[in-house]
Amino acid sequence: MLKFLKRLLISLSLPNFYYFLAIAESLKIIFKGNFSNYTGLTPLNALNNLFYIVQNLNLKKFSRKGVSSVIGGGNYKLSNWWHIPNFSHYLFTLSPVVSVLWGSLFIVIWFFYIDISVNEGILYSILPLLSTIFYTNVIRNQNYNIFGLIIISPILYFLINNDTILFVLSSILLPIISPTVFIIFSPIVFFYSLFSFNFLFFFYCTLIPLIFINILYFKKDSIASEFLWMLNAMGLFKSKSKLHREQLSFKKINLGDVYYLFSYFVAIYCLNYIQSSYTYFCIYIFIIHIINRKLLKFSDDENISSVFCITFITLLIVSKSASIFSFILAFIALYNPIINLQKISPINTCNIISKLENFIGNNKKPLLLCFSNPKNIYEKVFDGQRILVEPISYICSRNYRLLIPDWWAVFNQSNLNNFWVDNKHDLMKVIRDFNISEVISTSIKTDQFLNDSFIQTGSLNWNNIYLNEFGADLRLDLDLKNLVIWKKYKIE
C-alpha cells in the first residue's frame, strides 16, 4: 500500500515538474533560434520524429508530384503522402519540441479560461496537469497532430454553446491542419446534430473534401493505387496485405487493453454522475479506440487517447456540475498507473547525427542495412530496430543517398523479399539488384554472411552512443535482448 501511495505521489508531481521545466528550456531554444536541433522530448521520440523530417526533406527536394530517388527503394511516389497536411507538418518539422510543448500549453491555458468562465473555478482545468494520459499522449509522444488537438476543445465548446460563427471558423481549420484528428473527432459533431436535430453535420460533410486536398497531385490513373497502399497499411485487406499486425486481434488482450476499458468505463460513469447530456461522446471514442487497437489501425493510439482526454475534460467543464467526487472519478479515468513516467526534456540529436555521419562516410552509392525477413509480421520489421533506422534514413535523404531498406520501401515494393537478408544468397542478390557498394550488418546473425569478400571499415555501438548521449539503456527502451552493434563493410 505504501509503495502504491509513493508511486501515486511521484506520478502526480513529476509530470508537472518535467513539463514546466521543459517549457522553460524551450524558451532558451527559441531565443537561440536553433529550433531544428531539438527533435523530441524523449530519446526514442527524438529519433522517431526524424521520420517526419525525412518526409519534409523529400517533399522539398522532389515536390508532392515528384518521385523520390532516395527513399522507398529508389522509386517512391510522394503523392502517396496525400494524407500529410502541408502547413502543420512543415511547422512541426521546423521545431518538433516547440510545437508540442507550446501547443499543449495552449490547450491547458484554454481549459483554465473556460473553467473560470463557466464554473468560476479551476477544479476540472487542473486535470491535464495531473493526468498521465495527457502527459503521455498529448505531450510526450505527440507529433504534428498537436495543431489539430489545439482546436478540438474550442470547437466542442462553441458547438455546445451554439456559437455558430466561431464553431464554423474553427471547424474549417481542423481538416486542413490535421486530417487524422478531423476523422476521429467529426463523428462527435454528427452525433450531436442527430440528437439535437440540427444541420451541423451537413456542414461538416462539406469539410470532408479538405482532407483530400492533396489528391490534386495525383495522376488520374494512379488514384486507386495511392489509396490502396494506405488501406493495406491499416490492415483493411488482411488477406492481400504484405504485413500483418499481430496486435489487431481480440485474441491478444494485454494489460494496456484492460486499462483502456477501465478508463473509459469510469469516464462514462463520471459523465452520467454529473448528468451530462453528452456521455455518448465518450462512448463513441471508446468504440473507435477498440476498433483501432483490435480491428483496423487507422491512427496512432496517441491521437485517439488525446481526443478522448481533451473531449472528456471539456465536457466536464461545460457540464457546470463541479464536485469533489466527480473530480476524483475524472482523475481516476485519466490516470494510467502502468505508464512509465519517463522524464521529458528537449533532446538535441546533433551529436548522434554527427557520429552516424562519420560512421556512414561520404559514399553516394546505395547503402544496405542487413535485416532479417519479418515474415509478413508488422511488429518484426527491422528486428525491433525501427527507431534506429530513422536517423540513418535522415542522413541519407539529406545527402541524396539511397538507403535500402527504409520504412517506405516496406510499403512501396511489390513484395517484401527484395531486400531482406536471411542468408548469403539473399545478401548477394540485394547487392546485385541495387548496385550496393557498402553494407551495414545490424546483428550477429547477419555478421556471418559477410565473409572474406567483404572488408570491415567501421563499427558503431548503439548501446554506448545511446547511453552517452541520452543517459538511457537502449535495450530497455527498445525491449531488445542483445547489444546493438552495427558494422560497416565494403565489397572487395
Foldseek 3Di string as FASTA:
>chain_A
DVVVVVLLVCLQPQLLVLLVVQVVQVVVCVVVVQQQLFQAFAPLLSLQSLVLVLLVLQCVVANQLGFAQAAQLGGHRSVLVLQAFDPLSVVCNSHVSCLQSVLLVLLLVVLQVLLCVQQVDCLLSCLLSRFPLNSVQSHHNDGSCSVLLSLPLVLVVCVVVVVVVSNLVSLLVNLNRHVPLCVLRLVLVVVVCVVVVDDVNVVSVVSVVSSRPSCVSPDPVCPVVSVVLLQLVQCVPVVPRQADEPQQAPVDDDPVNVLLVVLLVLLLVLCVVLPQPRSVSSVSLSVVLNCCRHPTPPDPSSSSSSCNLSVSSSSVSNSNRDDPVSSVSNSSSRYDSPDDPDRTHRARCVVVLVVVDVQVDLDQAEEEEEAAQPNNYPCCVRNLCLSVVSSVSSVCSVNVHHYPHHPSNPSNDPHRQQHYDQALVSVVNNCVVRVHFKYKYWDPRVVVSAPPQKDWDHKDFPQVVCCVRRVDGPCVVSVHDDTTMIIMIGGD
